[in-house]
Structures are given as C-alpha cells and as structure tokens.
Amino acid sequence: MKIGIIREEKNPPDKRVPFTPLQCRQLLRHYSGLEIIVEPSPYRCYKDEEYLNEGITVDADLSGCDVLMGIKEVPPEKLIVGKQYFFFSHTMKRQPHNKLLLQTILKKNITLTDYECLKYSNEARVLGFGRYAGIVGTYNAFLAYGLRNKSYSLTPANQLQHHHPDLENELGKVKLPAIKIVLTGGGRVANGALEVLTYMEIKKVSPADFLKKKYEEPVFTQLFPEDYYSLNGKHDFDIMHLHHHPQEFKSDFVKYTKAADVFISCHFWDNRADRLFTKEDAKQSDFKIKVIADITCDINGSVPTTIRSSKIESSLYGYNPQTEKEEEPFNENAITVMAVDNLPCELPRDSSSDFGKDLTEKVMPHLLGDDHERMIERATICKAGKLMPDFEYLSDYVA
C-alpha cells in the first residue's frame, strides 16, 4: 500500500499531521511493502526537512497513492477522483457548511473514512485530539479570567516556545479568588481539562455541594449528563436512552449558572437534545457565569452564548445577554466567550504526536492487516461514491 500525507488546505491551514516523521519511519520498518509520500507544505508543525531526514519521500505528486491521510476537511476542488481518504469530515451531523464536500466526494467516487467514526465494538472512539482540546481550552479559560479581572496575564499557548511544559510554568501565575468552576463532560476533552485543574490543585466538590455550599478557596465540580438531564422529571437516569432518544430529555443545567463563575464545556452534544440553558436564562439577574470556555464549540448549540467560533489569534469575544449581540470581550455587561474550534493547533507537535501514536497502534493494523472487527468499514461514510448502510441517513443531506 502507498499512503500519502496530504497538505492541509483549509483556510487557515492546520499545522497538525496524522504522523510525525519518526512515526512514518517506524511504520515503514514495521510493514514491508508500505510506502509513504508526504506532500510538501510550508505550514506543518513538522517541516519537510524533518521528514526527509527520516528517509521519508516528500513529493507533490500523490496520484499514485492508494490512501490519502490528512486532518481537517479537504477543499472539494482538491479531492482526487477514486481515492480513499482519511480525515475529520464533519459531515456526520449534516453540518450545512460541509454539504458540498460530501456531495463532491460522492460525485468523484471517493471512499471516505472519518477519524471521528473509528470506534471499538463497544462504541468507544478510537482516535481524537480531545485531550489537547481540553488542556488548551481550560488554559484559555484561566487566561480569559485573568484578563477580564485584570488580576494576571498568561502568554497565549500558541506563543509558548516549548509548548506543553511551558503551560505549567504559565499556570503558576494564576491567582484565583474563591470562585466556582463548572465542568461538563467525561471523555477525552474533559480528562484534558481535569489535567489542568488537578495540576493547579483546585479542589473538586460534588454537584450538590457546589450548589449549596460556600467556599473560601476556588473549587470545581464535574457534571455528567445525569447531573443536568432528566426524562419527564424522573431521576432513574438511563444513559443509553439519552443516546438513542435525546429529544425526550430536558436540561436543568440552569441551576448551575446561578452558582458558577466560570463554565468549561467539554461534553458531547447531540443536536436533537435540549440546550443546557437558553438565551433567556442568560438574561436573568441571577445568571452568574462571566467566563465560558466552550470547548465543544457547537455554534448556537448546547451553549447558546457561542454565536460564532473564534480564532487562535483572537480567541475571546464578548456576548451581551441583553442584546444577544457580540461586543468587546471584557465589557462589564458581557460574558467573555472562548470558542476556538481548533484548540489542539495551539500545541500542534504535542497533539500530533499523541494522535499519530494512537493511529499507528490502534488503526493501522486494521488498515494494513486483518480488519476482522470491521473497524475501518464501520467508520467509512461512503465507498466508491455510495453511502455505506450506517450512513444512509445522510441521503437527504446530500440529495
């Protein structure tokens, strides 16, 4: 098999890679008959010379490759007819901005395998950049809090020379009063956020105590769906029922907005589900949250104050609950919102290395060997220009 690592063409270009130069060399040593070609790029966190130094071919011509691997969506005009692609397509939720992408993939008889859809038999995801999204998003939450309150100043993560180790040095500058932080989610993203909160030695408390008690130190609580969703007011929560019928559940997250100062959202949200709170809730005088780090970044989704995504270079904006409009991030009447949609790009080498390790160990044996578990097949949205059975629900989306 010949694999091509494509240049990221989405604007602004993503700096991450599916495999580091060293990981490419290790793959070539492990799999006889495998070839890897890297398309030249001026943007990658790993330079072309670093691949060349590991003996990897760098060539602009990928037409002879069987499989093409990238990170973000490929612009429709750049897609090569008849190839198999691996990337995050962001089409499985019928995202409107990527409808043309999937339509073009089908027209060009392309086979698309989406990293997001790679799962074990128990439905747990195999790959993701979630850990680094959680780390950087939580770091940005404290960066925003310091700027808003003029209490300290942190260097943006993307400007740190040594990336991840320097985050910890910067976090040493953080001086917090007795604030309350609410964190939602329990997956990779939330675990990344917990790494930061644990390093900072912020005390974790139960959801019940978070709502009722006062503290003389900063605290946080971690919420799972059963803490803020209920089915007809019933407390016998069934997570599988929520997964299959999210539209039947109602959110009472609003009670946490009356206690928390900072909200870090790391949960997965199904667009059929109830929003955590409403724009009307945010207008109330007892809505206390002033900083929201929306790592989930579903525009006008579960966190309705996220009216747009923000960029790494300007990660913060203000949301005025009364006008429902954007304004300066630190205006007194505004909620400071961080909604960067590509947070791992702030630590591209670290996040790429972790991602490539999982891709090498957990996916490549299925791609280059025996896929008896059908991991690749189950993650393939379309094959040779036709939607796969598990994704036929997208037929109206692409019609």
Protein backbone atom coordinates (compact mmCIF):
# COMPACT_ATOMS: atom_id res chain seq x y z
CA MET A 1 0.00 0.00 0.00
CA LYS A 2 1.12 3.52 -0.76
CA ILE A 3 -0.06 6.19 1.71
CA GLY A 4 0.07 9.91 1.03
CA ILE A 5 0.08 12.52 3.79
CA ILE A 6 -1.73 15.46 2.25
CA ARG A 7 -1.03 19.14 2.73
CA GLU A 8 -3.71 20.89 4.83
CA GLU A 9 -5.52 23.29 2.51
CA LYS A 10 -8.41 24.50 4.64
CA ASN A 11 -8.04 28.19 5.43
CA PRO A 12 -6.45 28.98 7.81
CA PRO A 13 -4.16 25.96 7.27
CA ASP A 14 -3.97 23.44 10.09
CA LYS A 15 -0.46 22.73 11.42
CA ARG A 16 -1.17 19.21 12.68
CA VAL A 17 -0.20 15.96 10.96
CA PRO A 18 -1.52 12.39 11.13
CA PHE A 19 2.01 11.01 11.57
CA THR A 20 5.22 12.61 12.80
CA PRO A 21 8.43 11.97 10.80
CA LEU A 22 9.62 9.41 13.36
CA GLN A 23 6.28 7.60 13.29
CA CYS A 24 6.47 7.39 9.49
CA ARG A 25 9.89 5.75 9.72
CA GLN A 26 8.63 3.31 12.35
CA LEU A 27 5.69 2.35 10.12
CA LEU A 28 7.97 1.70 7.15
CA ARG A 29 10.16 -0.54 9.30
CA HIS A 30 7.19 -2.48 10.64
CA TYR A 31 5.19 -3.01 7.44
CA SER A 32 7.05 -4.44 4.45
CA GLY A 33 5.72 -3.17 1.16
CA LEU A 34 4.38 0.05 2.68
CA GLU A 35 5.31 3.34 1.05
CA ILE A 36 4.68 6.81 2.49
CA ILE A 37 4.80 10.03 0.49
CA VAL A 38 4.47 13.42 2.17
CA GLU A 39 3.06 16.32 0.16
CA PRO A 40 5.23 19.44 0.69
CA SER A 41 3.76 22.07 3.00
CA PRO A 42 5.04 25.40 4.38
CA TYR A 43 2.58 25.27 7.28
CA ARG A 44 3.11 21.98 9.08
CA CYS A 45 4.48 21.91 12.62
CA TYR A 46 6.94 19.31 11.27
CA LYS A 47 8.94 20.72 8.36
CA ASP A 48 9.52 18.90 5.07
CA GLU A 49 13.21 18.59 6.02
CA GLU A 50 12.29 16.67 9.17
CA TYR A 51 10.53 14.03 7.07
CA LEU A 52 13.42 13.92 4.61
CA ASN A 53 15.86 13.46 7.48
CA GLU A 54 13.95 10.32 8.48
CA GLY A 55 14.15 8.95 4.94
CA ILE A 56 10.55 9.77 4.02
CA THR A 57 9.76 10.78 0.44
CA VAL A 58 8.47 14.34 0.02
CA ASP A 59 6.69 14.79 -3.31
CA ALA A 60 3.86 16.98 -4.62
CA ASP A 61 2.51 14.15 -6.80
CA LEU A 62 0.19 11.91 -4.75
CA SER A 63 -1.69 10.49 -7.74
CA GLY A 64 -0.09 7.08 -7.28
CA CYS A 65 -1.19 6.72 -3.64
CA ASP A 66 -3.88 4.28 -2.57
CA VAL A 67 -4.82 6.09 0.65
CA LEU A 68 -4.59 9.81 1.44
CA MET A 69 -4.50 10.95 5.06
CA GLY A 70 -4.93 14.44 6.46
CA ILE A 71 -6.51 16.14 9.45
CA LYS A 72 -9.16 18.71 8.51
CA GLU A 73 -11.65 18.81 5.66
CA VAL A 74 -10.21 18.75 2.15
CA PRO A 75 -11.46 21.55 -0.12
CA PRO A 76 -13.77 19.92 -2.71
CA GLU A 77 -11.68 21.11 -5.66
CA LYS A 78 -8.58 19.41 -4.20
CA LEU A 79 -10.13 15.93 -3.95
CA ILE A 80 -8.62 13.29 -6.25
CA VAL A 81 -11.08 11.03 -8.06
CA GLY A 82 -11.36 7.44 -6.86
CA LYS A 83 -9.06 7.65 -3.82
CA GLN A 84 -9.64 6.59 -0.23
CA TYR A 85 -9.35 9.48 2.21
CA PHE A 86 -8.97 9.62 5.99
CA PHE A 87 -9.76 12.96 7.69
CA PHE A 88 -12.23 14.65 10.02
CA SER A 89 -15.01 15.46 7.54
CA HIS A 90 -17.55 17.00 9.96
CA THR A 91 -20.44 15.71 7.85
CA MET A 92 -21.99 13.02 10.06
CA LYS A 93 -24.21 15.60 11.83
CA ARG A 94 -25.36 17.04 8.48
CA GLN A 95 -23.26 20.16 9.04
CA PRO A 96 -24.54 22.67 6.45
CA HIS A 97 -21.11 24.14 5.66
CA ASN A 98 -19.80 20.73 4.56
CA LYS A 99 -22.69 19.58 2.42
CA LEU A 100 -20.82 20.44 -0.79
CA LEU A 101 -17.80 18.50 0.46
CA LEU A 102 -19.74 15.25 0.86
CA GLN A 103 -21.62 15.81 -2.39
CA THR A 104 -18.30 16.18 -4.20
CA ILE A 105 -16.86 13.10 -2.52
CA LEU A 106 -19.78 11.06 -3.81
CA LYS A 107 -19.53 12.52 -7.32
CA LYS A 108 -15.81 11.73 -7.50
CA ASN A 109 -16.34 8.09 -6.45
CA ILE A 110 -14.20 8.61 -3.35
CA THR A 111 -14.10 6.35 -0.29
CA LEU A 112 -14.21 8.46 2.88
CA THR A 113 -13.21 7.06 6.25
CA ASP A 114 -13.80 9.57 9.05
CA TYR A 115 -11.48 9.50 12.07
CA GLU A 116 -14.39 10.56 14.26
CA CYS A 117 -16.29 7.40 13.30
CA LEU A 118 -13.49 4.96 14.18
CA LYS A 119 -14.86 3.07 17.15
CA TYR A 120 -14.36 -0.13 19.09
CA SER A 121 -17.14 -2.70 19.22
CA ASN A 122 -18.36 -1.08 22.46
CA GLU A 123 -18.86 2.23 20.57
CA ALA A 124 -15.93 3.97 22.32
CA ARG A 125 -13.99 6.26 19.99
CA VAL A 126 -10.52 5.16 18.95
CA LEU A 127 -9.00 8.49 17.91
CA GLY A 128 -9.28 12.13 18.74
CA PHE A 129 -7.47 15.31 19.66
CA GLY A 130 -9.79 15.75 22.63
CA ARG A 131 -7.16 15.62 25.34
CA TYR A 132 -5.29 18.61 23.96
CA ALA A 133 -8.52 20.47 23.24
CA GLY A 134 -9.34 20.08 26.94
CA ILE A 135 -5.87 21.13 28.08
CA VAL A 136 -5.67 24.24 25.89
CA GLY A 137 -9.34 25.17 26.33
CA THR A 138 -9.03 25.12 30.12
CA TYR A 139 -5.78 27.07 29.95
CA ASN A 140 -7.62 29.65 27.83
CA ALA A 141 -10.40 29.81 30.41
CA PHE A 142 -7.88 30.95 33.02
CA LEU A 143 -6.24 33.28 30.51
CA ALA A 144 -9.65 34.89 29.92
CA TYR A 145 -10.43 35.12 33.63
CA GLY A 146 -7.14 36.89 34.35
CA LEU A 147 -7.62 39.40 31.54
CA ARG A 148 -11.24 40.07 32.42
CA ASN A 149 -10.44 40.76 36.06
CA LYS A 150 -7.05 42.40 35.40
CA SER A 151 -5.53 40.07 38.01
CA TYR A 152 -2.80 38.33 35.97
CA SER A 153 -1.72 37.77 32.38
CA LEU A 154 -0.87 34.48 30.65
CA THR A 155 1.05 34.02 27.41
CA PRO A 156 -1.21 32.52 24.71
CA ALA A 157 -0.48 28.81 24.33
CA ASN A 158 0.44 29.11 20.66
CA GLN A 159 3.24 31.55 21.56
CA LEU A 160 4.97 29.24 24.02
CA GLN A 161 8.32 28.03 22.74
CA HIS A 162 8.29 24.59 24.34
CA HIS A 163 4.53 24.13 24.26
CA HIS A 164 3.09 21.73 26.83
CA PRO A 165 5.77 22.03 29.59
CA ASP A 166 5.54 25.83 29.40
CA LEU A 167 1.80 25.71 30.07
CA GLU A 168 2.52 24.56 33.60
CA ASN A 169 5.01 27.38 34.14
CA GLU A 170 2.45 29.91 32.95
CA LEU A 171 -0.28 28.44 35.15
CA GLY A 172 1.93 29.21 38.13
CA LYS A 173 1.00 32.89 37.58
CA VAL A 174 -2.71 32.21 38.17
CA LYS A 175 -4.08 33.68 41.39
CA LEU A 176 -7.75 32.90 41.90
CA PRO A 177 -10.23 34.13 44.49
CA ALA A 178 -12.89 31.78 45.88
CA ILE A 179 -14.62 31.23 42.54
CA LYS A 180 -16.68 28.26 41.41
CA ILE A 181 -15.95 26.46 38.15
CA VAL A 182 -18.39 24.06 36.48
CA LEU A 183 -17.07 21.46 34.05
CA THR A 184 -19.27 19.28 31.84
CA GLY A 185 -18.27 16.00 30.22
CA GLY A 186 -16.38 12.81 30.96
CA GLY A 187 -14.46 11.89 27.83
CA ARG A 188 -11.07 12.77 26.37
CA VAL A 189 -11.78 16.50 26.36
CA ALA A 190 -12.90 16.56 29.99
CA ASN A 191 -9.92 14.45 31.01
CA GLY A 192 -7.62 17.02 29.39
CA ALA A 193 -9.38 19.77 31.34
CA LEU A 194 -9.02 17.75 34.55
CA GLU A 195 -5.26 17.53 33.97
CA VAL A 196 -5.06 21.30 34.20
CA LEU A 197 -7.41 21.62 37.18
CA THR A 198 -5.55 18.87 39.03
CA TYR A 199 -2.16 20.46 38.31
CA MET A 200 -3.49 23.72 39.74
CA GLU A 201 -4.69 21.85 42.85
CA ILE A 202 -8.18 23.28 42.59
CA LYS A 203 -10.48 21.39 44.94
CA LYS A 204 -13.13 19.16 43.40
CA VAL A 205 -16.56 19.11 45.07
CA SER A 206 -19.79 17.25 44.43
CA PRO A 207 -22.52 18.85 42.31
CA ALA A 208 -24.77 19.05 45.37
CA ASP A 209 -22.14 20.81 47.49
CA PHE A 210 -21.27 23.08 44.58
CA LEU A 211 -24.84 24.36 44.55
CA LYS A 212 -25.35 24.64 48.30
CA LYS A 213 -22.05 25.46 49.98
CA LYS A 214 -19.80 28.50 50.11
CA TYR A 215 -16.04 28.10 49.98
CA GLU A 216 -13.02 30.18 50.91
CA GLU A 217 -10.96 28.76 48.03
CA PRO A 218 -11.57 28.12 44.31
CA VAL A 219 -13.47 24.88 43.64
CA PHE A 220 -14.84 23.00 40.66
CA THR A 221 -17.42 20.33 40.02
CA GLN A 222 -17.64 17.89 37.14
CA LEU A 223 -21.06 17.21 35.68
CA PHE A 224 -22.21 14.20 33.70
CA PRO A 225 -25.49 14.07 31.72
CA GLU A 226 -27.36 12.58 34.68
CA ASP A 227 -26.50 15.73 36.65
CA TYR A 228 -28.36 18.07 34.32
CA TYR A 229 -30.69 16.00 32.10
CA SER A 230 -33.88 14.27 33.22
CA LEU A 231 -36.65 12.34 31.49
CA ASN A 232 -40.02 13.76 32.49
CA GLY A 233 -38.57 14.75 35.83
CA LYS A 234 -37.58 11.15 36.64
CA HIS A 235 -34.31 10.52 38.44
CA ASP A 236 -33.85 6.91 37.22
CA PHE A 237 -31.48 8.09 34.52
CA ASP A 238 -30.71 5.78 31.58
CA ILE A 239 -27.67 6.89 29.58
CA MET A 240 -28.46 4.61 26.63
CA HIS A 241 -31.97 6.05 26.44
CA LEU A 242 -30.40 9.51 26.29
CA HIS A 243 -28.06 8.41 23.49
CA HIS A 244 -30.88 7.00 21.38
CA HIS A 245 -33.65 9.47 22.24
CA PRO A 246 -32.02 12.73 23.38
CA GLN A 247 -35.04 14.78 22.31
CA GLU A 248 -37.05 13.27 25.19
CA PHE A 249 -34.81 14.78 27.88
CA LYS A 250 -34.93 18.23 29.43
CA SER A 251 -32.00 20.18 30.84
CA ASP A 252 -31.95 21.76 34.28
CA PHE A 253 -28.36 22.97 33.97
CA VAL A 254 -29.61 26.49 34.62
CA LYS A 255 -29.33 25.90 38.38
CA TYR A 256 -25.55 25.71 37.97
CA THR A 257 -25.48 29.04 36.14
CA LYS A 258 -26.69 30.62 39.38
CA ALA A 259 -23.69 29.28 41.31
CA ALA A 260 -20.77 29.16 38.86
CA ASP A 261 -18.40 31.96 37.87
CA VAL A 262 -16.64 30.02 35.10
CA PHE A 263 -18.07 27.34 32.79
CA ILE A 264 -15.82 24.91 30.88
CA SER A 265 -17.88 22.84 28.44
CA CYS A 266 -16.32 19.52 27.42
CA HIS A 267 -19.44 17.46 26.77
CA PHE A 268 -20.69 15.86 23.56
CA TRP A 269 -23.97 17.33 22.36
CA ASP A 270 -26.50 15.77 20.02
CA ASN A 271 -28.35 18.49 18.09
CA ARG A 272 -31.64 16.73 18.90
CA ALA A 273 -31.02 17.32 22.61
CA ASP A 274 -32.19 20.20 24.78
CA ARG A 275 -29.76 23.10 25.15
CA LEU A 276 -28.08 23.36 28.52
CA PHE A 277 -29.63 26.79 29.04
CA THR A 278 -31.37 29.37 26.87
CA LYS A 279 -30.58 32.91 25.84
CA GLU A 280 -33.47 33.99 28.06
CA ASP A 281 -31.85 32.23 31.02
CA ALA A 282 -28.67 34.23 30.40
CA LYS A 283 -30.65 37.49 30.66
CA GLN A 284 -31.73 36.81 34.23
CA SER A 285 -30.11 38.73 37.07
CA ASP A 286 -29.11 35.52 38.87
CA PHE A 287 -27.15 34.20 35.87
CA LYS A 288 -23.70 34.40 37.45
CA ILE A 289 -21.28 32.98 34.85
CA LYS A 290 -18.90 35.58 33.39
CA VAL A 291 -16.38 33.37 31.56
CA ILE A 292 -17.36 30.49 29.26
CA ALA A 293 -14.73 28.29 27.65
CA ASP A 294 -16.88 26.42 25.13
CA ILE A 295 -14.52 23.67 24.04
CA THR A 296 -17.42 21.78 22.41
CA CYS A 297 -17.94 24.82 20.16
CA ASP A 298 -21.32 23.93 18.66
CA ILE A 299 -22.43 27.23 17.12
CA ASN A 300 -25.86 28.18 18.50
CA GLY A 301 -25.89 24.74 20.09
CA SER A 302 -25.86 23.45 23.65
CA VAL A 303 -24.19 26.66 24.87
CA PRO A 304 -26.26 29.41 23.18
CA THR A 305 -23.80 32.19 24.07
CA THR A 306 -21.48 30.67 21.45
CA ILE A 307 -22.71 32.65 18.47
CA ARG A 308 -19.58 32.04 16.42
CA SER A 309 -16.28 30.23 16.65
CA SER A 310 -13.18 32.24 17.49
CA LYS A 311 -9.65 32.01 16.13
CA ILE A 312 -6.40 31.15 17.87
CA GLU A 313 -5.06 34.66 17.22
CA SER A 314 -8.18 36.30 18.74
CA SER A 315 -9.67 33.62 20.93
CA LEU A 316 -12.06 35.75 23.02
CA TYR A 317 -15.17 37.76 22.33
CA GLY A 318 -17.97 39.19 24.41
CA TYR A 319 -21.61 38.13 24.36
CA ASN A 320 -24.14 40.61 25.73
CA PRO A 321 -27.08 38.57 27.07
CA GLN A 322 -29.50 41.50 26.92
CA THR A 323 -28.89 42.42 23.30
CA GLU A 324 -27.87 38.86 22.24
CA LYS A 325 -25.08 40.54 20.27
CA GLU A 326 -21.32 40.33 20.22
CA GLU A 327 -19.24 43.07 21.81
CA GLU A 328 -15.80 43.57 23.31
CA PRO A 329 -14.74 40.54 25.39
CA PHE A 330 -14.23 42.34 28.70
CA ASN A 331 -17.19 44.73 28.74
CA GLU A 332 -18.81 44.69 32.17
CA ASN A 333 -22.20 43.52 30.89
CA ALA A 334 -20.79 40.90 28.55
CA ILE A 335 -19.94 37.25 29.10
CA THR A 336 -16.39 36.51 27.97
CA VAL A 337 -16.54 33.62 25.49
CA MET A 338 -13.69 31.41 24.30
CA ALA A 339 -14.87 29.25 21.38
CA VAL A 340 -11.80 28.28 19.36
CA ASP A 341 -12.77 25.37 17.11
CA ASN A 342 -9.23 24.01 16.56
CA LEU A 343 -7.69 24.24 20.03
CA PRO A 344 -5.16 21.40 19.57
CA CYS A 345 -3.49 23.55 16.88
CA GLU A 346 -2.10 25.67 19.70
CA LEU A 347 0.06 22.68 20.67
CA PRO A 348 0.41 21.08 17.22
CA ARG A 349 3.54 18.96 17.74
CA ASP A 350 2.37 17.54 21.06
CA SER A 351 -1.15 16.79 19.84
CA SER A 352 0.06 15.35 16.51
CA SER A 353 2.47 13.02 18.30
CA ASP A 354 -0.29 11.66 20.56
CA PHE A 355 -2.73 11.31 17.66
CA GLY A 356 -0.16 9.59 15.45
CA LYS A 357 0.72 7.14 18.23
CA ASP A 358 -2.92 6.05 18.55
CA LEU A 359 -3.34 5.94 14.77
CA THR A 360 -0.23 3.76 14.47
CA GLU A 361 -1.10 1.35 17.26
CA LYS A 362 -4.88 1.14 17.05
CA VAL A 363 -5.86 1.75 13.42
CA MET A 364 -3.01 0.87 11.09
CA PRO A 365 -3.11 -2.87 11.98
CA HIS A 366 -6.71 -2.88 10.70
CA LEU A 367 -5.89 -0.88 7.57
CA LEU A 368 -2.74 -2.78 6.66
CA GLY A 369 -3.70 -6.18 8.04
CA ASP A 370 -6.85 -8.02 9.06
CA ASP A 371 -9.87 -5.81 9.75
CA HIS A 372 -11.93 -8.67 11.15
CA GLU A 373 -13.55 -6.27 13.63
CA ARG A 374 -14.68 -4.11 10.66
CA MET A 375 -13.28 -1.01 12.41
CA ILE A 376 -12.37 0.67 9.11
CA GLU A 377 -15.57 -0.41 7.38
CA ARG A 378 -17.78 0.88 10.20
CA ALA A 379 -16.03 4.27 10.04
CA THR A 380 -16.39 4.57 6.27
CA ILE A 381 -19.11 7.06 5.42
CA CYS A 382 -19.10 6.27 1.71
CA LYS A 383 -17.32 3.81 -0.53
CA ALA A 384 -16.62 4.36 -4.22
CA GLY A 385 -19.13 7.18 -4.33
CA LYS A 386 -22.01 5.47 -2.45
CA LEU A 387 -23.14 5.99 1.13
CA MET A 388 -22.47 3.00 3.38
CA PRO A 389 -25.51 1.42 5.12
CA ASP A 390 -24.77 3.01 8.52
CA PHE A 391 -24.71 6.45 6.88
CA GLU A 392 -27.65 6.22 4.52
CA TYR A 393 -29.43 8.67 6.83
CA LEU A 394 -27.31 11.32 5.08
CA SER A 395 -29.02 10.68 1.73
CA ASP A 396 -31.40 13.63 2.13
CA TYR A 397 -28.48 15.81 3.27
CA VAL A 398 -26.59 15.23 0.03
CA ALA A 399 -29.60 14.99 -2.30
